[in-house]
């Protein structure tokens, strides 16, 4: 779904052509065949002439049957332009710019660096509690799990937690295998992603998080989108968002206090009425196997950019401008069996810091955000964080999600509440 705004039609058509410029699959060429010649009633069996033979169609060669799907020969191959690669290049110079980096550097804020390292360590460390070792060898005898993947179960695991984790793992792996082998569409993978996220978050310390389907919700303001020549770039957005959910008792009182200050205030970048009034620290872009990672990274990049700009807008409105604004967001891709994580943040000290002004209307706040084109947004990643390939990868994913849940419920939520002084 694209953001529907009234933009310059010519410029918008040019941008849309990048997204829709891939060639369509060739249509099948079906040839009609003549009906076999039939014997007439006048043909007598006693006649001396040989009976006419029934005409039959020649067997279809395998190559003819598969011609619609055949791969191009080397002479047919051309290096076609890639709309996702084109857009990633354009976003480098949009307003605000979005940069995709693979490693931290000297400009990476300390808070971002700490979170990024935690994600890396969780994705590479032993992740399977040893208490599951016997079950795994019995249930998955043909999966090769190195002994280094198991961690001693020194931590006190409640029996209920052990059972719920094992039930979630077995269910997810079974459904993922069916989706993969059955070539199921993206909707099946979105349901899988939502199930695994909520399954892990239910065991978090504060239990504040819930996954929301936002694939049909627009960004609620064009001022939160990157622009080129003052034209907002329309693009598909993330499929899922993880919210500090208002139905959770520990969060409902905070939201109640904020809404009393301004009942019409939107707390997130999404248009949907319910999702727009909750804090959204995390997004997930989901795809069936074979989806372009570049395309998925653009979608989560735009979502995170809008989220960072929304946080900046809220600070402006409350007159609470952090001089660094280093609180990040997390964006993840779940393409087929594989998950990857990214940390999105604003570069510090880039000339975009604003003094403590107080604004009286939403228009003034949005205009002030739009007047700060130099706020460079960085998407740092990817970090491979496991997935559904086997039981080991599931437990890696489970371990990383616990790190993410702790960060969202403590660091992010504390920062978000601080904007409103609640």
Protein backbone atom coordinates (compact mmCIF):
# COMPACT_ATOMS: atom_id res chain seq x y z
CA UNK A 1 0.00 0.00 0.00
CA UNK A 2 1.26 3.42 -0.92
CA UNK A 3 0.82 6.62 1.01
CA UNK A 4 -1.91 8.58 -0.69
CA UNK A 5 -1.02 12.26 -0.79
CA UNK A 6 -1.55 15.05 -3.28
CA UNK A 7 1.89 15.38 -4.80
CA UNK A 8 3.21 16.61 -8.10
CA UNK A 9 1.76 13.97 -10.50
CA UNK A 10 4.78 13.97 -12.80
CA UNK A 11 7.32 13.49 -10.05
CA UNK A 12 5.17 10.91 -8.30
CA UNK A 13 4.74 8.96 -11.54
CA UNK A 14 8.50 8.87 -12.01
CA UNK A 15 9.02 7.47 -8.51
CA UNK A 16 6.21 4.97 -8.87
CA UNK A 17 7.76 3.74 -12.11
CA UNK A 18 10.84 2.67 -10.14
CA UNK A 19 8.65 0.49 -7.92
CA UNK A 20 6.63 -0.95 -10.75
CA UNK A 21 9.31 -1.19 -13.39
CA UNK A 22 10.01 -4.89 -13.15
CA UNK A 23 8.92 -6.82 -16.26
CA UNK A 24 5.86 -9.02 -16.02
CA UNK A 25 6.23 -12.78 -16.45
CA UNK A 26 5.75 -13.91 -20.07
CA UNK A 27 2.25 -15.01 -20.95
CA UNK A 28 1.81 -18.63 -21.92
CA UNK A 29 1.65 -19.42 -25.59
CA UNK A 30 -0.97 -22.05 -26.11
CA UNK A 31 -1.60 -23.44 -29.55
CA UNK A 32 -4.93 -25.01 -30.39
CA UNK A 33 -4.71 -28.47 -31.95
CA UNK A 34 -6.98 -29.92 -34.60
CA UNK A 35 -9.53 -32.52 -33.54
CA UNK A 36 -8.66 -36.10 -34.47
CA UNK A 37 -10.29 -37.26 -37.70
CA UNK A 38 -13.27 -39.50 -36.95
CA UNK A 39 -14.38 -42.65 -38.78
CA UNK A 40 -17.65 -42.07 -40.67
CA UNK A 41 -20.63 -44.44 -40.70
CA UNK A 42 -20.07 -45.12 -44.41
CA UNK A 43 -16.78 -46.82 -43.78
CA UNK A 44 -17.54 -50.55 -43.89
CA UNK A 45 -15.32 -53.09 -42.16
CA UNK A 46 -15.64 -55.37 -45.27
CA UNK A 47 -14.13 -52.83 -47.60
CA UNK A 48 -10.75 -53.78 -48.99
CA UNK A 49 -9.15 -50.41 -48.42
CA UNK A 50 -7.23 -49.88 -45.25
CA UNK A 51 -9.08 -47.97 -42.57
CA UNK A 52 -7.91 -44.47 -41.89
CA UNK A 53 -5.76 -44.12 -38.83
CA UNK A 54 -6.88 -41.81 -36.08
CA UNK A 55 -4.69 -38.75 -35.96
CA UNK A 56 -3.10 -38.10 -32.62
CA UNK A 57 -1.26 -35.10 -31.29
CA UNK A 58 2.47 -35.60 -30.79
CA UNK A 59 3.46 -35.84 -27.15
CA UNK A 60 4.35 -32.51 -25.64
CA UNK A 61 8.05 -32.27 -25.01
CA UNK A 62 9.03 -31.38 -21.46
CA UNK A 63 10.82 -28.31 -22.71
CA UNK A 64 7.61 -27.08 -24.40
CA UNK A 65 5.54 -27.61 -21.26
CA UNK A 66 7.99 -25.62 -19.16
CA UNK A 67 8.69 -22.92 -21.71
CA UNK A 68 6.62 -20.40 -19.78
CA UNK A 69 8.90 -20.77 -16.78
CA UNK A 70 12.22 -21.45 -18.45
CA UNK A 71 15.26 -19.47 -17.36
CA UNK A 72 16.86 -17.14 -19.91
CA UNK A 73 19.85 -18.37 -21.83
CA UNK A 74 23.15 -16.51 -21.36
CA UNK A 75 22.59 -14.60 -24.59
CA UNK A 76 19.15 -13.46 -23.36
CA UNK A 77 20.37 -12.14 -20.03
CA UNK A 78 20.48 -8.41 -19.55
CA UNK A 79 21.39 -6.48 -16.43
CA UNK A 80 18.02 -4.92 -15.65
CA UNK A 81 17.69 -1.96 -13.35
CA UNK A 82 16.52 -2.78 -9.82
CA UNK A 83 13.91 -0.42 -8.33
CA UNK A 84 14.90 -1.30 -4.71
CA UNK A 85 18.58 -0.59 -5.41
CA UNK A 86 17.59 2.63 -7.15
CA UNK A 87 15.50 3.73 -4.16
CA UNK A 88 18.22 2.90 -1.63
CA UNK A 89 20.58 5.13 -3.60
CA UNK A 90 18.00 7.93 -3.78
CA UNK A 91 17.35 7.76 -0.03
CA UNK A 92 21.00 8.63 0.62
CA UNK A 93 20.25 12.15 -0.64
CA UNK A 94 16.59 12.51 0.32
CA UNK A 95 15.42 14.92 3.02
CA UNK A 96 16.05 13.55 5.55
CA UNK A 97 18.73 11.20 4.24
CA UNK A 98 18.55 7.50 5.11
CA UNK A 99 21.88 5.68 5.16
CA UNK A 100 22.25 1.90 5.33
CA UNK A 101 25.42 0.84 7.19
CA UNK A 102 26.70 -2.65 8.02
CA UNK A 103 29.03 -1.83 10.92
CA UNK A 104 29.19 0.81 13.68
CA UNK A 105 31.77 3.59 13.50
CA UNK A 106 33.06 6.50 15.57
CA UNK A 107 29.78 8.39 15.02
CA UNK A 108 27.59 5.63 16.45
CA UNK A 109 25.95 6.81 19.70
CA UNK A 110 26.84 4.87 22.83
CA UNK A 111 23.26 3.77 23.47
CA UNK A 112 23.00 2.41 19.93
CA UNK A 113 26.36 0.67 20.12
CA UNK A 114 25.39 -1.08 23.36
CA UNK A 115 22.11 -2.34 21.91
CA UNK A 116 23.77 -3.46 18.68
CA UNK A 117 26.45 -5.41 20.55
CA UNK A 118 23.81 -7.09 22.72
CA UNK A 119 21.98 -8.26 19.59
CA UNK A 120 25.20 -9.56 18.05
CA UNK A 121 26.22 -11.42 21.19
CA UNK A 122 22.80 -12.98 21.66
CA UNK A 123 22.76 -14.18 18.05
CA UNK A 124 26.16 -15.89 18.31
CA UNK A 125 26.12 -17.27 21.87
CA UNK A 126 24.87 -20.61 23.13
CA UNK A 127 21.10 -20.28 23.15
CA UNK A 128 19.51 -23.64 24.02
CA UNK A 129 18.96 -24.35 27.73
CA UNK A 130 20.48 -27.75 28.50
CA UNK A 131 17.18 -28.89 29.97
CA UNK A 132 15.91 -29.29 26.38
CA UNK A 133 18.81 -31.46 25.22
CA UNK A 134 17.14 -34.85 25.65
CA UNK A 135 13.87 -33.64 24.09
CA UNK A 136 15.67 -32.22 21.08
CA UNK A 137 17.64 -35.41 20.39
CA UNK A 138 14.45 -37.44 20.69
CA UNK A 139 12.19 -35.15 18.64
CA UNK A 140 14.70 -34.00 16.02
CA UNK A 141 17.13 -36.96 15.70
CA UNK A 142 18.31 -35.93 12.23
CA UNK A 143 19.24 -32.36 13.11
CA UNK A 144 22.89 -31.84 13.91
CA UNK A 145 23.10 -29.60 16.98
CA UNK A 146 26.64 -28.88 18.25
CA UNK A 147 27.24 -29.28 21.96
CA UNK A 148 28.38 -25.65 22.05
CA UNK A 149 24.79 -24.58 21.28
CA UNK A 150 23.62 -25.66 24.74
CA UNK A 151 23.96 -23.46 27.78
CA UNK A 152 23.84 -24.88 31.33
CA UNK A 153 20.43 -24.31 32.85
CA UNK A 154 21.73 -22.47 35.86
CA UNK A 155 18.97 -19.92 35.66
CA UNK A 156 15.78 -20.88 37.45
CA UNK A 157 13.35 -21.89 34.72
CA UNK A 158 9.80 -22.50 35.86
CA UNK A 159 8.29 -25.73 34.56
CA UNK A 160 5.51 -23.70 32.95
CA UNK A 161 8.09 -21.63 31.05
CA UNK A 162 9.88 -24.78 29.89
CA UNK A 163 6.66 -26.28 28.57
CA UNK A 164 5.42 -23.08 26.89
CA UNK A 165 8.78 -22.52 25.19
CA UNK A 166 8.92 -26.08 23.89
CA UNK A 167 5.31 -25.92 22.68
CA UNK A 168 6.02 -22.66 20.84
CA UNK A 169 9.18 -24.07 19.25
CA UNK A 170 7.52 -27.27 18.04
CA UNK A 171 4.49 -25.42 16.68
CA UNK A 172 6.50 -22.75 14.88
CA UNK A 173 8.92 -25.18 13.26
CA UNK A 174 6.07 -27.38 12.04
CA UNK A 175 4.11 -24.46 10.58
CA UNK A 176 7.22 -22.96 8.98
CA UNK A 177 8.07 -26.25 7.32
CA UNK A 178 4.53 -26.55 5.95
CA UNK A 179 4.62 -22.96 4.67
CA UNK A 180 8.00 -23.45 3.02
CA UNK A 181 7.30 -26.84 1.44
CA UNK A 182 3.79 -25.81 0.43
CA UNK A 183 4.97 -22.55 -1.20
CA UNK A 184 2.45 -20.61 0.86
CA UNK A 185 1.97 -16.85 0.27
CA UNK A 186 3.19 -13.98 2.41
CA UNK A 187 0.13 -13.99 4.65
CA UNK A 188 1.17 -17.30 6.18
CA UNK A 189 4.61 -15.93 7.02
CA UNK A 190 3.11 -12.80 8.59
CA UNK A 191 0.99 -14.96 10.89
CA UNK A 192 4.07 -16.99 11.82
CA UNK A 193 6.06 -13.86 12.66
CA UNK A 194 3.25 -12.48 14.80
CA UNK A 195 2.87 -15.80 16.63
CA UNK A 196 6.55 -16.16 17.51
CA UNK A 197 6.86 -12.54 18.66
CA UNK A 198 3.81 -12.65 20.91
CA UNK A 199 4.80 -16.09 22.16
CA UNK A 200 8.16 -14.81 23.40
CA UNK A 201 6.85 -11.45 24.63
CA UNK A 202 4.29 -13.20 26.85
CA UNK A 203 7.22 -14.39 28.92
CA UNK A 204 8.88 -10.97 29.24
CA UNK A 205 9.38 -9.39 32.63
CA UNK A 206 6.84 -6.57 32.33
CA UNK A 207 4.59 -8.09 29.64
CA UNK A 208 3.99 -4.73 27.95
CA UNK A 209 4.45 -5.76 24.30
CA UNK A 210 1.99 -6.89 21.66
CA UNK A 211 2.37 -7.35 17.90
CA UNK A 212 0.11 -5.24 15.66
CA UNK A 213 -0.68 -5.74 11.98
CA UNK A 214 0.07 -2.41 10.27
CA UNK A 215 0.48 -3.54 6.66
CA UNK A 216 -2.67 -1.65 5.62
CA UNK A 217 -2.03 1.47 7.70
CA UNK A 218 -0.44 4.56 6.17
CA UNK A 219 2.11 6.89 7.69
CA UNK A 220 -0.10 9.60 9.19
CA UNK A 221 1.77 12.66 7.90
CA UNK A 222 3.80 13.46 4.79
CA UNK A 223 6.21 15.40 7.01
CA UNK A 224 7.38 12.05 8.41
CA UNK A 225 8.39 10.70 4.99
CA UNK A 226 11.67 11.27 3.11
CA UNK A 227 11.28 13.74 0.25
CA UNK A 228 13.06 14.41 -3.04
CA UNK A 229 12.57 17.89 -4.51
CA UNK A 230 9.87 18.48 -1.86
CA UNK A 231 7.95 15.42 -3.07
CA UNK A 232 7.32 12.71 -0.45
CA UNK A 233 8.46 9.34 -1.77
CA UNK A 234 5.57 6.85 -1.65
CA UNK A 235 6.66 3.36 -0.65
CA UNK A 236 5.27 0.23 0.94
CA UNK A 237 5.82 0.06 4.68
CA UNK A 238 6.46 -2.57 7.33
CA UNK A 239 3.96 -5.37 7.91
CA UNK A 240 4.07 -5.64 11.70
CA UNK A 241 4.75 -3.25 14.55
CA UNK A 242 5.40 -4.12 18.17
CA UNK A 243 3.56 -1.77 20.52
CA UNK A 244 3.81 -0.89 24.17
CA UNK A 245 0.17 -1.91 24.26
CA UNK A 246 -2.52 0.16 25.93
CA UNK A 247 -4.36 -2.98 27.07
CA UNK A 248 -1.46 -3.88 29.34
CA UNK A 249 -2.22 -2.60 32.88
CA UNK A 250 1.26 -1.16 33.46
CA UNK A 251 0.98 0.92 30.28
CA UNK A 252 -2.69 1.91 30.35
CA UNK A 253 -2.24 4.40 33.20
CA UNK A 254 0.61 6.13 31.34
CA UNK A 255 -1.42 6.46 28.15
CA UNK A 256 -4.39 7.72 30.15
CA UNK A 257 -2.24 10.49 31.62
CA UNK A 258 -0.86 11.46 28.20
CA UNK A 259 -4.29 11.54 26.55
CA UNK A 260 -5.64 13.81 29.24
CA UNK A 261 -2.98 16.33 28.22
CA UNK A 262 -4.06 16.19 24.56
CA UNK A 263 -6.79 13.72 23.50
CA UNK A 264 -6.07 14.23 19.79
CA UNK A 265 -2.33 13.63 20.05
CA UNK A 266 -0.89 10.86 17.87
CA UNK A 267 1.92 9.03 19.63
CA UNK A 268 3.16 7.03 16.67
CA UNK A 269 3.67 7.52 12.94
CA UNK A 270 0.80 5.22 11.91
CA UNK A 271 -2.59 6.37 10.63
CA UNK A 272 -4.76 3.66 12.21
CA UNK A 273 -6.73 5.12 15.11
CA UNK A 274 -5.68 2.56 17.71
CA UNK A 275 -2.06 2.05 16.67
CA UNK A 276 -1.46 5.80 16.35
CA UNK A 277 -2.05 6.23 20.09
CA UNK A 278 0.59 3.76 21.25
CA UNK A 279 4.39 3.81 21.34
CA UNK A 280 5.93 1.63 18.61
CA UNK A 281 9.58 0.76 19.27
CA UNK A 282 9.86 -2.14 16.79
CA UNK A 283 8.77 -3.07 13.28
CA UNK A 284 9.01 -6.24 11.18
CA UNK A 285 8.92 -6.50 7.40
CA UNK A 286 7.86 -10.01 6.41
CA UNK A 287 8.30 -11.79 3.10
CA UNK A 288 7.88 -15.23 1.62
CA UNK A 289 11.09 -17.02 0.57
CA UNK A 290 12.74 -15.25 -2.34
CA UNK A 291 11.64 -11.72 -1.47
CA UNK A 292 14.33 -9.11 -2.08
CA UNK A 293 16.20 -8.13 1.07
CA UNK A 294 16.83 -4.68 -0.46
CA UNK A 295 13.10 -4.17 -0.85
CA UNK A 296 12.43 -5.31 2.72
CA UNK A 297 15.17 -3.09 4.15
CA UNK A 298 13.71 -0.04 2.39
CA UNK A 299 10.29 -0.71 3.89
CA UNK A 300 11.61 -1.02 7.43
CA UNK A 301 13.96 1.93 6.80
CA UNK A 302 11.08 4.24 5.86
CA UNK A 303 9.03 3.02 8.84
CA UNK A 304 11.93 3.65 11.24
CA UNK A 305 12.69 7.05 9.69
CA UNK A 306 9.06 8.08 10.22
CA UNK A 307 9.20 6.76 13.79
CA UNK A 308 12.35 8.72 14.63
CA UNK A 309 10.86 11.88 13.13
CA UNK A 310 7.69 11.29 15.15
CA UNK A 311 9.70 11.08 18.38
CA UNK A 312 11.43 14.32 17.40
CA UNK A 313 8.04 15.91 16.72
CA UNK A 314 6.74 14.83 20.14
CA UNK A 315 9.80 16.35 21.81
CA UNK A 316 9.17 19.61 19.99
CA UNK A 317 5.56 19.63 21.06
CA UNK A 318 6.45 18.98 24.70
CA UNK A 319 9.45 21.31 24.71
CA UNK A 320 11.64 18.39 25.80
CA UNK A 321 14.47 18.39 23.26
CA UNK A 322 17.23 15.91 24.03
CA UNK A 323 20.45 17.44 22.69
CA UNK A 324 21.48 14.11 21.19
CA UNK A 325 18.21 12.23 20.63
CA UNK A 326 20.03 8.93 20.59
CA UNK A 327 17.12 6.64 21.45
CA UNK A 328 16.99 4.10 18.60
CA UNK A 329 14.29 1.94 17.05
CA UNK A 330 14.59 -1.68 16.01
CA UNK A 331 13.60 -2.93 12.57
CA UNK A 332 13.61 -6.59 11.60
CA UNK A 333 13.17 -8.53 8.38
CA UNK A 334 11.63 -12.01 8.38
CA UNK A 335 12.08 -13.38 4.88
CA UNK A 336 11.10 -17.01 4.65
CA UNK A 337 12.95 -18.97 7.32
CA UNK A 338 15.50 -16.26 8.15
CA UNK A 339 15.31 -13.28 10.51
CA UNK A 340 17.64 -10.26 10.59
CA UNK A 341 17.69 -7.28 12.95
CA UNK A 342 18.63 -3.63 12.41
CA UNK A 343 19.04 -0.65 14.72
CA UNK A 344 17.76 2.69 13.40
CA UNK A 345 18.98 5.94 14.90
CA UNK A 346 19.69 9.61 14.28
CA UNK A 347 23.27 10.73 13.83
CA UNK A 348 24.28 13.01 16.72
CA UNK A 349 25.78 16.48 16.24
CA UNK A 350 24.58 16.89 12.67
CA UNK A 351 23.30 20.42 13.03
CA UNK A 352 19.71 19.34 13.55
CA UNK A 353 19.40 20.11 17.24
CA UNK A 354 16.64 22.59 18.01
CA UNK A 355 16.42 24.97 20.96
CA UNK A 356 13.69 24.61 23.57
CA UNK A 357 10.80 26.21 21.73
CA UNK A 358 7.20 25.69 22.74
CA UNK A 359 4.69 25.11 19.95
CA UNK A 360 0.97 25.64 20.17
CA UNK A 361 -0.43 23.82 17.13
CA UNK A 362 0.26 20.52 15.41
CA UNK A 363 0.98 22.46 12.20
CA UNK A 364 3.79 24.39 13.89
CA UNK A 365 5.31 21.17 15.20
CA UNK A 366 5.15 19.42 11.82
CA UNK A 367 6.56 22.47 10.04
CA UNK A 368 9.47 22.64 12.47
CA UNK A 369 10.23 18.96 11.84
CA UNK A 370 10.08 19.52 8.10
CA UNK A 371 12.46 22.47 8.38
CA UNK A 372 15.24 20.20 9.65
CA UNK A 373 16.39 18.40 6.48
CA UNK A 374 19.83 17.43 7.75
CA UNK A 375 18.71 14.84 10.29
CA UNK A 376 20.54 11.81 8.92
CA UNK A 377 18.83 8.53 9.79
CA UNK A 378 21.03 5.45 9.90
CA UNK A 379 19.86 1.85 9.50
CA UNK A 380 22.60 -0.28 11.07
CA UNK A 381 22.63 -3.96 10.16
CA UNK A 382 21.76 -6.60 9.33
CA UNK A 383 22.50 -8.99 12.19
CA UNK A 384 21.35 -12.56 11.54
CA UNK A 385 19.25 -13.59 14.54
CA UNK A 386 18.11 -17.13 13.75
CA UNK A 387 14.75 -18.18 12.40
CA UNK A 388 12.75 -21.32 11.63
CA UNK A 389 15.38 -23.38 9.82
CA UNK A 390 15.87 -25.79 12.73
CA UNK A 391 15.48 -26.03 16.50
CA UNK A 392 18.85 -24.34 17.12
CA UNK A 393 17.89 -21.31 15.01
CA UNK A 394 14.58 -21.05 16.84
CA UNK A 395 16.31 -20.82 20.22
CA UNK A 396 18.70 -18.17 18.85
CA UNK A 397 15.65 -16.17 17.74
CA UNK A 398 14.02 -16.73 21.12
CA UNK A 399 17.16 -15.47 22.90
CA UNK A 400 17.38 -12.33 20.74
CA UNK A 401 13.69 -11.53 21.21
CA UNK A 402 14.20 -11.60 24.98
CA UNK A 403 16.99 -9.01 24.62
CA UNK A 404 14.74 -6.87 22.42
CA UNK A 405 11.80 -7.15 24.83
CA UNK A 406 13.95 -6.07 27.77
CA UNK A 407 15.27 -3.07 25.82
CA UNK A 408 11.77 -2.02 24.67
CA UNK A 409 10.13 -2.35 28.09
CA UNK A 410 12.93 -0.65 30.00
CA UNK A 411 15.16 1.66 27.93
CA UNK A 412 12.75 2.72 25.19
CA UNK A 413 9.66 2.96 27.41
CA UNK A 414 11.54 4.98 30.04
CA UNK A 415 12.70 7.43 27.36
CA UNK A 416 9.22 7.68 25.83
CA UNK A 417 7.60 8.39 29.20
CA UNK A 418 10.27 10.99 29.90
CA UNK A 419 9.13 13.02 26.89
CA UNK A 420 5.81 13.61 28.66
CA UNK A 421 7.13 13.66 32.20
CA UNK A 422 5.03 10.69 33.31
